[in-house]
Amino acid sequence: MPDELLRAVGLDGRVRAVAASTTRTVERLRVIHDPSPTVTAALGRAATAALLLAASLEKVTRREPMVTLEIDGNGPAGRLLATASPAGWVRATVGNPLAEASLRKDGKLHVAGVVGDDGSFIVTRDPGIGEPYRGVVKLVSGEIAKDLAHYLTESEQTPAAAALGVFVVPEGRVRHAGGYIVQLLGGVSDAEAAELAESVTRLGTVTTRMREGQGPEGWLEQLFPGGFQIVGQGPVCFRCGCSRDRVERAVKLLGENEVRSLLEESLVNPVTLTCGFCKTAYSVARDDLARLLLEVETESKDLRKA
């Protein structure tokens, strides 16, 4: 079954929901980064969360809107970083892919054990027009779904429930992955909110539902037994978007001293730069480094004259 994302509204438009199946996407991330099973679950949850957040952005023509999610916890996995677009693509990386933690008492992967339970949950929304908006809240659990709901409630002032799941089989492959967000937009009574909370509890984990053959539309049917309206639907996938041109621009951003060091290093060893998101390696020839250094020096001189 291909990965997909659904946007919907319920309770006459007073509740917004986004639900996504991301199994193939998260498996692609696992193949790229070769992480431990627990980090696979953490990275998959972060990537799914970024896709769900990005779904609320409008597509514009000036520049592509994006959401970047950073989870900087005190666990051994280090920083998790995921960037997603409302077009349905996501890329993600992690500081220490091989971090591991003991299983929880219920036998499940201990995601908080590798993410940590203290640190920052940071969301940067770039709408494609104007300046990006950055919201920061403290980690409250390290399991990511609870942190996502906490962020939406605290930073964006929209009470929310969130579920994220990644089921990793003993061989390490991702069998199921997905998640959803439900947000109260206003005008929801206490009784309606309580009923929705009960529906969230009855639904249980998304990976359990996926093992039963249920996808995002089925989750929405259980969350909104009174009916809902799908307002958007589309595929999701991994995409990096790196290129040699972008690598060269990144090299220039390092500054004169660092580019000069790379040029000196190229006398002894070939310089290869690897993309942190997709692991594509780019060999940068000495002539190219010399050209980039000249460009950086020229731009720096122009700035000093201005």
Protein backbone atom coordinates (compact mmCIF):
# COMPACT_ATOMS: atom_id res chain seq x y z
CA MET A 1 0.00 0.00 0.00
CA PRO A 2 1.56 3.38 -1.00
CA ASP A 3 2.13 6.01 1.63
CA GLU A 4 -0.51 8.72 1.72
CA LEU A 5 -1.65 11.75 3.71
CA LEU A 6 -5.23 12.88 4.28
CA ARG A 7 -6.42 16.26 5.54
CA ALA A 8 -9.91 16.37 6.98
CA VAL A 9 -12.33 18.38 9.09
CA GLY A 10 -14.94 17.12 11.52
CA LEU A 11 -17.66 18.52 13.77
CA ASP A 12 -18.79 20.96 11.08
CA GLY A 13 -15.27 22.26 10.51
CA ARG A 14 -14.51 22.92 14.17
CA VAL A 15 -11.89 20.15 14.32
CA ARG A 16 -8.99 19.69 11.92
CA ALA A 17 -7.28 16.34 11.39
CA VAL A 18 -4.27 15.18 9.40
CA ALA A 19 -3.46 11.47 9.09
CA ALA A 20 -0.66 9.76 7.18
CA SER A 21 0.69 6.30 6.50
CA THR A 22 4.47 6.51 6.09
CA THR A 23 5.74 2.92 6.07
CA ARG A 24 7.67 3.05 2.80
CA THR A 25 9.04 6.49 3.57
CA VAL A 26 10.36 5.46 6.99
CA GLU A 27 11.80 2.24 5.58
CA ARG A 28 13.69 4.35 3.03
CA LEU A 29 15.12 6.42 5.89
CA ARG A 30 16.17 3.21 7.63
CA VAL A 31 17.99 1.96 4.53
CA ILE A 32 19.80 5.29 4.14
CA HIS A 33 20.92 5.79 7.74
CA ASP A 34 21.14 2.14 8.92
CA PRO A 35 20.10 3.07 12.47
CA SER A 36 19.39 0.86 15.47
CA PRO A 37 15.76 -0.30 15.76
CA THR A 38 15.02 2.27 18.45
CA VAL A 39 16.52 5.14 16.47
CA THR A 40 14.58 3.90 13.43
CA ALA A 41 11.40 4.37 15.46
CA ALA A 42 12.50 7.81 16.66
CA LEU A 43 13.54 8.99 13.19
CA GLY A 44 10.32 7.64 11.67
CA ARG A 45 8.19 9.40 14.24
CA ALA A 46 10.03 12.69 13.67
CA ALA A 47 9.67 12.42 9.88
CA THR A 48 5.97 11.58 10.17
CA ALA A 49 5.43 14.49 12.57
CA ALA A 50 7.12 16.88 10.11
CA LEU A 51 4.84 15.68 7.29
CA LEU A 52 1.75 16.18 9.44
CA LEU A 53 2.84 19.69 10.41
CA ALA A 54 3.72 20.63 6.83
CA ALA A 55 0.24 19.64 5.64
CA SER A 56 -1.17 22.84 7.17
CA LEU A 57 0.95 25.07 4.90
CA GLU A 58 -0.44 26.43 1.66
CA LYS A 59 1.42 25.76 -1.58
CA VAL A 60 2.83 28.99 -3.05
CA THR A 61 4.87 29.81 -6.14
CA ARG A 62 7.49 32.20 -4.73
CA ARG A 63 9.44 29.49 -2.92
CA GLU A 64 8.47 26.08 -1.65
CA PRO A 65 6.94 26.19 1.85
CA MET A 66 8.51 23.84 4.37
CA VAL A 67 8.43 22.78 7.99
CA THR A 68 11.63 21.85 9.81
CA LEU A 69 11.36 19.87 13.03
CA GLU A 70 14.35 19.68 15.37
CA ILE A 71 14.36 17.51 18.47
CA ASP A 72 17.41 18.30 20.56
CA GLY A 73 17.21 16.00 23.56
CA ASN A 74 19.69 14.76 26.14
CA GLY A 75 19.54 11.17 24.90
CA PRO A 76 22.33 9.31 23.08
CA ALA A 77 20.74 9.70 19.64
CA GLY A 78 21.63 13.39 19.61
CA ARG A 79 19.69 15.83 17.44
CA LEU A 80 16.91 14.59 15.17
CA LEU A 81 16.14 16.81 12.19
CA ALA A 82 13.30 16.43 9.68
CA THR A 83 12.19 18.76 6.89
CA ALA A 84 8.90 18.32 5.04
CA SER A 85 6.78 20.09 2.44
CA PRO A 86 3.02 20.25 1.85
CA ALA A 87 3.89 18.69 -1.52
CA GLY A 88 4.32 15.46 0.44
CA TRP A 89 8.06 14.90 0.64
CA VAL A 90 10.22 14.58 3.74
CA ARG A 91 13.89 14.08 4.57
CA ALA A 92 15.40 13.39 7.97
CA THR A 93 18.67 12.71 9.73
CA VAL A 94 19.95 11.93 13.23
CA GLY A 95 23.16 12.67 15.11
CA ASN A 96 23.94 9.14 16.31
CA PRO A 97 22.08 6.48 14.32
CA LEU A 98 23.48 3.61 16.38
CA ALA A 99 22.21 4.78 19.77
CA GLU A 100 20.24 2.17 21.66
CA ALA A 101 18.18 1.82 24.82
CA SER A 102 16.70 -1.08 26.75
CA LEU A 103 13.15 -2.09 25.91
CA ARG A 104 10.32 -0.60 27.95
CA LYS A 105 8.57 -2.71 30.56
CA ASP A 106 5.80 -3.48 28.05
CA GLY A 107 8.39 -4.84 25.58
CA LYS A 108 8.16 -1.91 23.17
CA LEU A 109 11.05 0.13 21.82
CA HIS A 110 12.06 2.84 24.28
CA VAL A 111 12.14 5.88 22.01
CA ALA A 112 12.49 8.32 24.91
CA GLY A 113 15.54 6.32 25.97
CA VAL A 114 17.43 7.42 22.85
CA VAL A 115 15.81 10.85 22.39
CA GLY A 116 15.98 11.90 26.04
CA ASP A 117 13.40 13.47 28.32
CA ASP A 118 14.97 16.92 28.60
CA GLY A 119 15.74 19.34 25.81
CA SER A 120 14.00 21.31 23.08
CA PHE A 121 11.28 20.61 20.52
CA ILE A 122 11.69 23.19 17.76
CA VAL A 123 9.41 23.80 14.78
CA THR A 124 10.32 26.26 12.03
CA ARG A 125 7.52 27.05 9.60
CA ASP A 126 8.57 28.66 6.33
CA PRO A 127 5.34 29.59 4.52
CA GLY A 128 7.20 30.46 1.31
CA ILE A 129 6.21 34.11 1.68
CA GLY A 130 7.72 36.45 4.24
CA GLU A 131 9.87 35.36 7.14
CA PRO A 132 9.88 31.87 8.72
CA TYR A 133 8.30 31.44 12.15
CA ARG A 134 10.16 29.49 14.84
CA GLY A 135 8.45 27.97 17.86
CA VAL A 136 10.32 26.32 20.73
CA VAL A 137 8.96 24.28 23.63
CA LYS A 138 10.63 21.98 26.14
CA LEU A 139 10.52 18.24 25.65
CA VAL A 140 7.89 16.72 27.91
CA SER A 141 8.34 13.02 27.19
CA GLY A 142 10.83 12.23 24.42
CA GLU A 143 8.31 9.85 22.85
CA ILE A 144 7.67 12.59 20.22
CA ALA A 145 3.87 12.25 19.83
CA LYS A 146 3.19 13.74 23.25
CA ASP A 147 5.80 16.40 22.54
CA LEU A 148 4.10 17.22 19.24
CA ALA A 149 0.71 17.68 20.94
CA HIS A 150 2.37 19.78 23.64
CA TYR A 151 3.97 22.01 20.99
CA LEU A 152 0.66 22.58 19.18
CA THR A 153 -1.11 23.41 22.42
CA GLU A 154 1.58 25.64 23.90
CA SER A 155 3.21 27.33 20.91
CA GLU A 156 0.34 27.48 18.42
CA GLN A 157 -2.48 27.74 20.96
CA THR A 158 -4.51 24.92 19.39
CA PRO A 159 -5.44 22.08 21.78
CA ALA A 160 -4.41 18.88 20.05
CA ALA A 161 -4.00 15.13 20.28
CA ALA A 162 -1.30 13.31 18.33
CA ALA A 163 -0.33 9.71 17.68
CA LEU A 164 2.83 8.48 15.98
CA GLY A 165 3.94 4.90 15.50
CA VAL A 166 6.71 2.87 13.88
CA PHE A 167 6.65 -0.92 14.06
CA VAL A 168 10.07 -2.48 13.47
CA VAL A 169 10.32 -6.24 12.94
CA PRO A 170 13.15 -8.22 14.60
CA GLU A 171 15.21 -8.18 11.38
CA GLY A 172 15.19 -4.37 11.59
CA ARG A 173 12.83 -3.56 8.71
CA VAL A 174 9.94 -1.14 9.12
CA ARG A 175 6.68 -3.06 8.84
CA HIS A 176 4.29 -0.20 9.63
CA ALA A 177 4.57 3.55 10.26
CA GLY A 178 2.14 6.43 10.44
CA GLY A 179 0.45 9.01 12.59
CA TYR A 180 -2.19 11.66 12.97
CA ILE A 181 -2.93 15.03 14.54
CA VAL A 182 -6.35 16.19 15.72
CA GLN A 183 -6.71 19.91 16.53
CA LEU A 184 -9.61 21.79 18.11
CA LEU A 185 -10.16 25.02 16.18
CA GLY A 186 -12.74 26.68 18.39
CA GLY A 187 -16.41 26.32 19.24
CA VAL A 188 -16.02 22.74 20.46
CA SER A 189 -18.01 22.07 23.62
CA ASP A 190 -16.55 20.27 26.64
CA ALA A 191 -18.82 17.30 25.90
CA GLU A 192 -17.64 17.13 22.27
CA ALA A 193 -13.99 17.41 23.34
CA ALA A 194 -14.49 14.59 25.87
CA GLU A 195 -16.13 12.40 23.23
CA LEU A 196 -13.27 13.04 20.81
CA ALA A 197 -10.76 12.17 23.54
CA GLU A 198 -12.60 8.88 24.08
CA SER A 199 -12.42 8.18 20.34
CA VAL A 200 -8.66 8.77 20.41
CA THR A 201 -8.35 6.31 23.30
CA ARG A 202 -10.51 3.69 21.57
CA LEU A 203 -8.50 3.97 18.36
CA GLY A 204 -5.32 2.90 20.17
CA THR A 205 -1.99 2.80 18.37
CA VAL A 206 -1.83 3.42 14.65
CA THR A 207 0.55 0.52 14.07
CA THR A 208 -1.92 -1.88 15.68
CA ARG A 209 -4.60 -0.59 13.34
CA MET A 210 -2.24 -0.92 10.38
CA ARG A 211 -1.53 -4.54 11.28
CA GLU A 212 -5.30 -5.04 11.10
CA GLY A 213 -5.29 -3.63 7.58
CA GLN A 214 -6.60 -0.17 8.45
CA GLY A 215 -5.19 3.04 6.97
CA PRO A 216 -5.59 6.78 7.55
CA GLU A 217 -9.18 6.94 6.30
CA GLY A 218 -10.14 4.15 8.68
CA TRP A 219 -8.57 6.03 11.60
CA LEU A 220 -10.60 9.11 10.71
CA GLU A 221 -13.79 7.06 10.58
CA GLN A 222 -13.17 5.94 14.14
CA LEU A 223 -12.16 9.39 15.34
CA PHE A 224 -15.26 10.98 13.81
CA PRO A 225 -18.11 8.42 13.99
CA GLY A 226 -20.52 11.26 13.18
CA GLY A 227 -18.79 11.87 9.86
CA PHE A 228 -15.96 13.96 8.46
CA GLN A 229 -14.96 15.65 5.22
CA ILE A 230 -11.68 14.98 3.41
CA VAL A 231 -10.32 18.34 2.20
CA GLY A 232 -7.00 17.14 0.81
CA GLN A 233 -5.28 13.89 -0.10
CA GLY A 234 -2.00 12.93 -1.69
CA PRO A 235 1.05 10.65 -1.66
CA VAL A 236 4.05 11.12 0.63
CA CYS A 237 7.62 9.99 0.06
CA PHE A 238 11.27 10.56 0.92
CA ARG A 239 13.03 13.20 -1.14
CA CYS A 240 16.30 14.95 -0.41
CA GLY A 241 16.77 17.46 -3.20
CA CYS A 242 20.51 17.83 -2.75
CA SER A 243 22.66 18.56 -5.80
CA ARG A 244 26.22 19.52 -6.69
CA ASP A 245 25.16 23.17 -6.97
CA ARG A 246 23.71 23.08 -3.45
CA VAL A 247 26.84 21.39 -2.13
CA GLU A 248 28.98 24.14 -3.63
CA ARG A 249 26.74 26.81 -2.09
CA ALA A 250 27.11 25.06 1.26
CA VAL A 251 30.89 25.02 0.90
CA LYS A 252 30.90 28.77 0.29
CA LEU A 253 28.84 29.33 3.43
CA LEU A 254 31.69 27.78 5.44
CA GLY A 255 33.72 30.94 4.90
CA GLU A 256 37.14 31.78 3.55
CA ASN A 257 39.24 29.98 6.17
CA GLU A 258 37.35 26.69 5.92
CA VAL A 259 37.33 26.69 2.11
CA ARG A 260 41.07 27.44 2.15
CA SER A 261 41.60 24.48 4.52
CA LEU A 262 39.68 22.21 2.14
CA LEU A 263 41.81 23.44 -0.74
CA GLU A 264 45.00 22.63 1.21
CA GLU A 265 43.58 19.22 2.16
CA SER A 266 42.95 18.46 -1.53
CA LEU A 267 46.72 18.47 -2.11
CA VAL A 268 46.95 15.29 -0.03
CA ASN A 269 43.54 13.62 -0.24
CA PRO A 270 40.53 14.02 -2.54
CA VAL A 271 37.81 16.09 -0.87
CA THR A 272 34.44 14.35 -0.64
CA LEU A 273 31.38 15.91 0.96
CA THR A 274 28.47 13.72 1.96
CA CYS A 275 24.86 14.84 2.26
CA GLY A 276 23.61 14.21 5.79
CA PHE A 277 20.08 13.45 4.59
CA CYS A 278 20.57 10.98 1.73
CA LYS A 279 24.27 10.01 2.12
CA THR A 280 25.08 10.93 -1.47
CA ALA A 281 28.82 11.62 -1.74
CA TYR A 282 30.06 14.49 -3.88
CA SER A 283 33.69 14.63 -4.90
CA VAL A 284 34.87 18.25 -5.09
CA ALA A 285 37.84 18.71 -7.41
CA ARG A 286 40.74 20.98 -6.50
CA ASP A 287 39.95 23.33 -9.40
CA ASP A 288 36.39 23.69 -8.11
CA LEU A 289 37.62 24.47 -4.59
CA ALA A 290 39.97 27.11 -5.99
CA ARG A 291 37.07 28.66 -7.91
CA LEU A 292 34.84 28.63 -4.81
CA LEU A 293 37.56 30.23 -2.71
CA LEU A 294 37.97 32.98 -5.28
CA GLU A 295 34.21 33.59 -5.30
CA VAL A 296 34.10 33.77 -1.48
CA GLU A 297 37.05 36.19 -1.39
CA THR A 298 35.48 38.39 -4.09
CA GLU A 299 32.10 38.47 -2.34
CA SER A 300 33.80 39.29 0.96
CA LYS A 301 35.70 42.21 -0.62
CA ASP A 302 32.47 43.52 -2.19
CA LEU A 303 30.77 43.46 1.20
CA ARG A 304 33.61 45.39 2.81
CA LYS A 305 33.38 48.06 0.09
CA ALA A 306 29.60 48.42 0.43
